[in-house]
Amino acid sequence: MKLLIFVTEDAHADATVDALVEQGLRVTRLATTGGFLRRGNTTLLVGIEDNQVERTLGIVKQAAPGTLSLTMDLERYERL
């Protein structure tokens, strides 16, 4: 399992979340601030299976070009 973290401009966040949800992916959305000019950003967290990484990256790349993407391996995932 992978955790994809996307940091995108606020202006692209709605379209990105909509595109991911339309494809059946679950998304957690966080309002974040950072960078030199302290502009508002949105951080999206998406937990997916390993074989969905490329497809998910493609969805985000199309919806929000220039988005920062981080991919992390999840050793353990459980709902408590």
Protein backbone atom coordinates (compact mmCIF):
# COMPACT_ATOMS: atom_id res chain seq x y z
CA MET A 1 0.00 0.00 0.00
CA LYS A 2 1.15 3.56 -0.73
CA LEU A 3 0.37 6.98 0.67
CA LEU A 4 0.46 9.72 -1.95
CA ILE A 5 0.81 13.27 -0.67
CA PHE A 6 0.01 16.08 -3.07
CA VAL A 7 0.65 19.76 -2.38
CA THR A 8 -1.24 21.93 -4.83
CA GLU A 9 -2.39 25.51 -5.18
CA ASP A 10 -5.77 26.26 -3.63
CA ALA A 11 -7.13 27.17 -7.06
CA HIS A 12 -6.60 23.59 -8.29
CA ALA A 13 -7.77 21.77 -5.18
CA ASP A 14 -11.49 21.40 -5.95
CA ALA A 15 -10.93 20.06 -9.46
CA THR A 16 -8.25 17.66 -8.21
CA VAL A 17 -10.40 16.27 -5.40
CA ASP A 18 -13.36 15.91 -7.78
CA ALA A 19 -11.23 14.04 -10.35
CA LEU A 20 -9.86 11.65 -7.73
CA VAL A 21 -13.26 10.96 -6.15
CA GLU A 22 -14.82 10.34 -9.59
CA GLN A 23 -12.29 7.53 -10.01
CA GLY A 24 -13.34 5.96 -6.71
CA LEU A 25 -10.35 7.14 -4.68
CA ARG A 26 -10.65 8.43 -1.12
CA VAL A 27 -9.02 11.77 -0.42
CA THR A 28 -8.24 13.66 2.77
CA ARG A 29 -7.92 17.40 2.21
CA LEU A 30 -5.86 19.68 4.47
CA ALA A 31 -5.49 23.46 4.23
CA THR A 32 -1.78 24.31 4.41
CA THR A 33 0.39 27.40 4.11
CA GLY A 34 3.99 27.59 3.08
CA GLY A 35 6.59 28.83 0.68
CA PHE A 36 8.36 32.13 0.43
CA LEU A 37 5.21 34.20 -0.05
CA ARG A 38 3.18 32.25 2.51
CA ARG A 39 0.51 31.46 -0.04
CA GLY A 40 -2.32 29.10 0.74
CA ASN A 41 -1.94 25.56 -0.50
CA THR A 42 -3.96 22.42 -0.19
CA THR A 43 -2.39 19.12 0.82
CA LEU A 44 -4.17 15.97 -0.31
CA LEU A 45 -3.59 12.56 1.23
CA VAL A 46 -4.53 9.52 -0.85
CA GLY A 47 -4.04 5.93 0.33
CA ILE A 48 -3.93 3.48 -2.58
CA GLU A 49 -2.75 0.04 -3.62
CA ASP A 50 0.67 -0.20 -5.27
CA ASN A 51 -0.80 -0.86 -8.72
CA GLN A 52 -2.81 2.41 -8.66
CA VAL A 53 0.14 4.80 -8.28
CA GLU A 54 0.70 5.68 -11.94
CA ARG A 55 -3.00 6.11 -12.65
CA THR A 56 -3.43 8.39 -9.62
CA LEU A 57 -0.39 10.48 -10.54
CA GLY A 58 -1.82 10.89 -14.05
CA ILE A 59 -5.17 12.10 -12.69
CA VAL A 60 -3.50 14.73 -10.52
CA LYS A 61 -1.07 15.80 -13.24
CA GLN A 62 -3.99 16.48 -15.57
CA ALA A 63 -6.15 18.25 -12.96
CA ALA A 64 -3.38 20.30 -11.34
CA PRO A 65 -0.15 20.68 -13.32
CA GLY A 66 2.82 21.66 -11.19
CA THR A 67 1.58 19.85 -8.08
CA LEU A 68 4.25 18.48 -5.73
CA SER A 69 3.87 14.74 -5.23
CA LEU A 70 5.38 12.49 -2.56
CA THR A 71 4.94 8.72 -2.52
CA MET A 72 5.47 6.78 0.68
CA ASP A 73 5.30 3.07 1.44
CA LEU A 74 2.79 2.16 4.15
CA GLU A 75 4.01 -0.72 6.23
CA ARG A 76 0.80 -0.93 8.18
CA TYR A 77 -2.70 0.42 7.65
CA GLU A 78 -5.73 -0.29 9.77
CA ARG A 79 -9.01 1.36 10.65
CA LEU A 80 -9.49 1.64 14.43
